[in-house]
Amino acid sequence: MPMPSKGERKPLTVRIPLELIKTLEEQQSSAGVTSLGQYLADLIAIVNDREDLALELNRRQDQGVLPLTA
């Protein structure tokens, strides 16, 4: 079954320090986001005041994704 479109996006290769990977994966998992790439894309959108572009961190709590907290 095909996945629904996430809209226009540009694929990027990002080299993240290995020391951060475990922490980011734990944050992604606890937030209930489907992939690390989606988690990072949502974080970038939120940091840039574009919460409307955050697809999974932007959900209401009753939809199974925890809100992003400081």
N, C-alpha and C. Protein backbone atom coordinates (compact mmCIF):
# COMPACT_ATOMS: atom_id res chain seq x y z
N MET A 1 0.85 -1.18 0.00
CA MET A 1 0.00 0.00 0.00
C MET A 1 0.89 1.24 0.00
N PRO A 2 0.67 2.17 -0.93
CA PRO A 2 1.53 3.36 -0.99
C PRO A 2 1.31 4.28 0.19
N MET A 3 2.38 4.97 0.58
CA MET A 3 2.29 5.93 1.68
C MET A 3 1.74 7.26 1.15
N PRO A 4 0.96 7.96 1.97
CA PRO A 4 0.46 9.27 1.53
C PRO A 4 1.61 10.27 1.39
N SER A 5 1.44 11.21 0.50
CA SER A 5 2.46 12.22 0.26
C SER A 5 2.64 13.11 1.50
N LYS A 6 3.87 13.47 1.78
CA LYS A 6 4.17 14.41 2.86
C LYS A 6 4.38 15.82 2.30
N GLY A 7 4.04 16.01 1.03
CA GLY A 7 4.19 17.32 0.41
C GLY A 7 5.55 17.45 -0.25
N GLU A 8 5.77 18.61 -0.84
CA GLU A 8 7.05 18.86 -1.51
C GLU A 8 8.16 18.94 -0.49
N ARG A 9 9.21 18.20 -0.73
CA ARG A 9 10.37 18.19 0.17
C ARG A 9 11.63 18.02 -0.66
N LYS A 10 12.74 18.44 -0.08
CA LYS A 10 14.04 18.25 -0.73
C LYS A 10 14.85 17.29 0.13
N PRO A 11 15.30 16.17 -0.43
CA PRO A 11 16.13 15.25 0.35
C PRO A 11 17.52 15.85 0.61
N LEU A 12 17.98 15.70 1.82
CA LEU A 12 19.30 16.19 2.21
C LEU A 12 20.07 15.09 2.91
N THR A 13 21.37 15.12 2.78
CA THR A 13 22.23 14.23 3.55
C THR A 13 22.81 15.04 4.70
N VAL A 14 22.57 14.58 5.90
CA VAL A 14 23.05 15.29 7.09
C VAL A 14 23.95 14.35 7.88
N ARG A 15 25.09 14.85 8.27
CA ARG A 15 26.03 14.05 9.06
C ARG A 15 25.93 14.52 10.52
N ILE A 16 25.30 13.69 11.32
CA ILE A 16 25.07 14.02 12.72
C ILE A 16 26.14 13.33 13.56
N PRO A 17 26.74 14.04 14.52
CA PRO A 17 27.75 13.42 15.37
C PRO A 17 27.20 12.14 16.02
N LEU A 18 28.00 11.09 16.00
CA LEU A 18 27.58 9.81 16.56
C LEU A 18 27.14 9.92 18.02
N GLU A 19 27.74 10.86 18.74
CA GLU A 19 27.41 11.03 20.16
C GLU A 19 25.95 11.45 20.36
N LEU A 20 25.31 12.00 19.33
CA LEU A 20 23.93 12.47 19.44
C LEU A 20 22.89 11.45 19.00
N ILE A 21 23.30 10.45 18.26
CA ILE A 21 22.35 9.53 17.64
C ILE A 21 21.47 8.82 18.67
N LYS A 22 22.06 8.26 19.70
CA LYS A 22 21.28 7.53 20.71
C LYS A 22 20.25 8.45 21.36
N THR A 23 20.66 9.64 21.73
CA THR A 23 19.74 10.61 22.36
C THR A 23 18.61 10.97 21.42
N LEU A 24 18.94 11.25 20.16
CA LEU A 24 17.91 11.60 19.18
C LEU A 24 16.94 10.44 18.95
N GLU A 25 17.47 9.23 18.87
CA GLU A 25 16.60 8.06 18.68
C GLU A 25 15.67 7.86 19.87
N GLU A 26 16.19 8.10 21.08
CA GLU A 26 15.35 7.97 22.27
C GLU A 26 14.25 9.03 22.28
N GLN A 27 14.60 10.27 21.89
CA GLN A 27 13.62 11.35 21.82
C GLN A 27 12.56 11.04 20.76
N GLN A 28 13.00 10.55 19.63
CA GLN A 28 12.08 10.19 18.55
C GLN A 28 11.12 9.11 19.01
N SER A 29 11.64 8.09 19.67
CA SER A 29 10.81 6.98 20.13
C SER A 29 9.81 7.44 21.19
N SER A 30 10.27 8.24 22.16
CA SER A 30 9.36 8.69 23.22
C SER A 30 8.30 9.65 22.69
N ALA A 31 8.60 10.33 21.59
CA ALA A 31 7.62 11.23 20.98
C ALA A 31 6.65 10.47 20.08
N GLY A 32 6.95 9.21 19.79
CA GLY A 32 6.08 8.42 18.95
C GLY A 32 6.17 8.74 17.47
N VAL A 33 7.27 9.33 17.05
CA VAL A 33 7.46 9.69 15.64
C VAL A 33 7.98 8.46 14.89
N THR A 34 7.51 8.28 13.66
CA THR A 34 7.78 7.05 12.92
C THR A 34 9.23 6.84 12.51
N SER A 35 9.99 7.92 12.29
CA SER A 35 11.38 7.75 11.85
C SER A 35 12.22 8.91 12.38
N LEU A 36 13.52 8.67 12.44
CA LEU A 36 14.43 9.72 12.88
C LEU A 36 14.43 10.88 11.90
N GLY A 37 14.35 10.58 10.61
CA GLY A 37 14.31 11.64 9.60
C GLY A 37 13.09 12.54 9.78
N GLN A 38 11.93 11.93 10.05
CA GLN A 38 10.71 12.72 10.27
C GLN A 38 10.83 13.54 11.54
N TYR A 39 11.41 12.95 12.58
CA TYR A 39 11.61 13.67 13.84
C TYR A 39 12.48 14.91 13.62
N LEU A 40 13.59 14.74 12.90
CA LEU A 40 14.48 15.87 12.64
C LEU A 40 13.81 16.92 11.76
N ALA A 41 13.05 16.48 10.74
CA ALA A 41 12.34 17.43 9.89
C ALA A 41 11.33 18.24 10.71
N ASP A 42 10.62 17.57 11.62
CA ASP A 42 9.65 18.27 12.48
C ASP A 42 10.34 19.24 13.42
N LEU A 43 11.46 18.84 14.00
CA LEU A 43 12.21 19.74 14.88
C LEU A 43 12.67 20.99 14.13
N ILE A 44 13.17 20.80 12.93
CA ILE A 44 13.63 21.94 12.12
C ILE A 44 12.47 22.88 11.82
N ALA A 45 11.32 22.31 11.48
CA ALA A 45 10.14 23.15 11.21
C ALA A 45 9.74 23.95 12.45
N ILE A 46 9.71 23.30 13.61
CA ILE A 46 9.30 23.97 14.85
C ILE A 46 10.28 25.07 15.24
N VAL A 47 11.58 24.78 15.15
CA VAL A 47 12.61 25.77 15.49
C VAL A 47 12.51 27.00 14.60
N ASN A 48 12.02 26.80 13.39
CA ASN A 48 11.89 27.91 12.44
C ASN A 48 10.48 28.51 12.42
N ASP A 49 9.76 28.33 13.53
CA ASP A 49 8.41 28.89 13.69
C ASP A 49 7.46 28.49 12.58
N ARG A 50 7.58 27.25 12.12
CA ARG A 50 6.68 26.70 11.10
C ARG A 50 6.07 25.41 11.60
N GLU A 51 5.39 25.50 12.76
CA GLU A 51 4.75 24.33 13.35
C GLU A 51 3.77 23.68 12.38
N ASP A 52 3.25 24.47 11.46
CA ASP A 52 2.31 23.94 10.47
C ASP A 52 2.95 22.89 9.56
N LEU A 53 4.28 22.89 9.47
CA LEU A 53 4.98 21.92 8.63
C LEU A 53 5.43 20.68 9.40
N ALA A 54 5.29 20.69 10.72
CA ALA A 54 5.65 19.53 11.54
C ALA A 54 4.52 18.51 11.45
N LEU A 55 4.79 17.38 10.83
CA LEU A 55 3.74 16.41 10.55
C LEU A 55 3.40 15.51 11.72
N GLU A 56 4.37 15.18 12.56
CA GLU A 56 4.09 14.24 13.65
C GLU A 56 4.23 14.86 15.03
N LEU A 57 5.17 15.75 15.23
CA LEU A 57 5.29 16.41 16.53
C LEU A 57 4.18 17.43 16.73
N ASN A 58 3.44 17.71 15.70
CA ASN A 58 2.39 18.72 15.72
C ASN A 58 1.02 18.14 16.08
N ARG A 59 0.93 16.82 16.29
CA ARG A 59 -0.35 16.18 16.58
C ARG A 59 -0.80 16.46 18.00
N ARG A 60 -2.10 16.33 18.21
CA ARG A 60 -2.65 16.45 19.56
C ARG A 60 -2.24 15.22 20.36
N GLN A 61 -2.22 15.35 21.69
CA GLN A 61 -1.81 14.25 22.55
C GLN A 61 -2.67 13.01 22.37
N ASP A 62 -3.96 13.16 22.14
CA ASP A 62 -4.82 11.99 22.02
C ASP A 62 -4.60 11.23 20.73
N GLN A 63 -3.71 11.75 19.87
CA GLN A 63 -3.36 11.05 18.64
C GLN A 63 -2.09 10.22 18.80
N GLY A 64 -1.53 10.20 20.01
CA GLY A 64 -0.42 9.31 20.27
C GLY A 64 0.97 9.91 20.15
N VAL A 65 1.10 11.20 19.91
CA VAL A 65 2.43 11.82 19.84
C VAL A 65 2.54 12.82 20.97
N LEU A 66 3.59 12.70 21.75
CA LEU A 66 3.79 13.62 22.87
C LEU A 66 4.20 14.99 22.38
N PRO A 67 3.81 16.06 23.07
CA PRO A 67 4.23 17.40 22.66
C PRO A 67 5.72 17.61 22.88
N LEU A 68 6.31 18.45 22.08
CA LEU A 68 7.71 18.77 22.22
C LEU A 68 7.87 19.72 23.41
N THR A 69 8.74 19.37 24.37
CA THR A 69 8.95 20.22 25.53
C THR A 69 10.41 20.58 25.65
N ALA A 70 10.68 21.67 26.34
CA ALA A 70 12.06 22.13 26.49
C ALA A 70 12.81 21.31 27.50
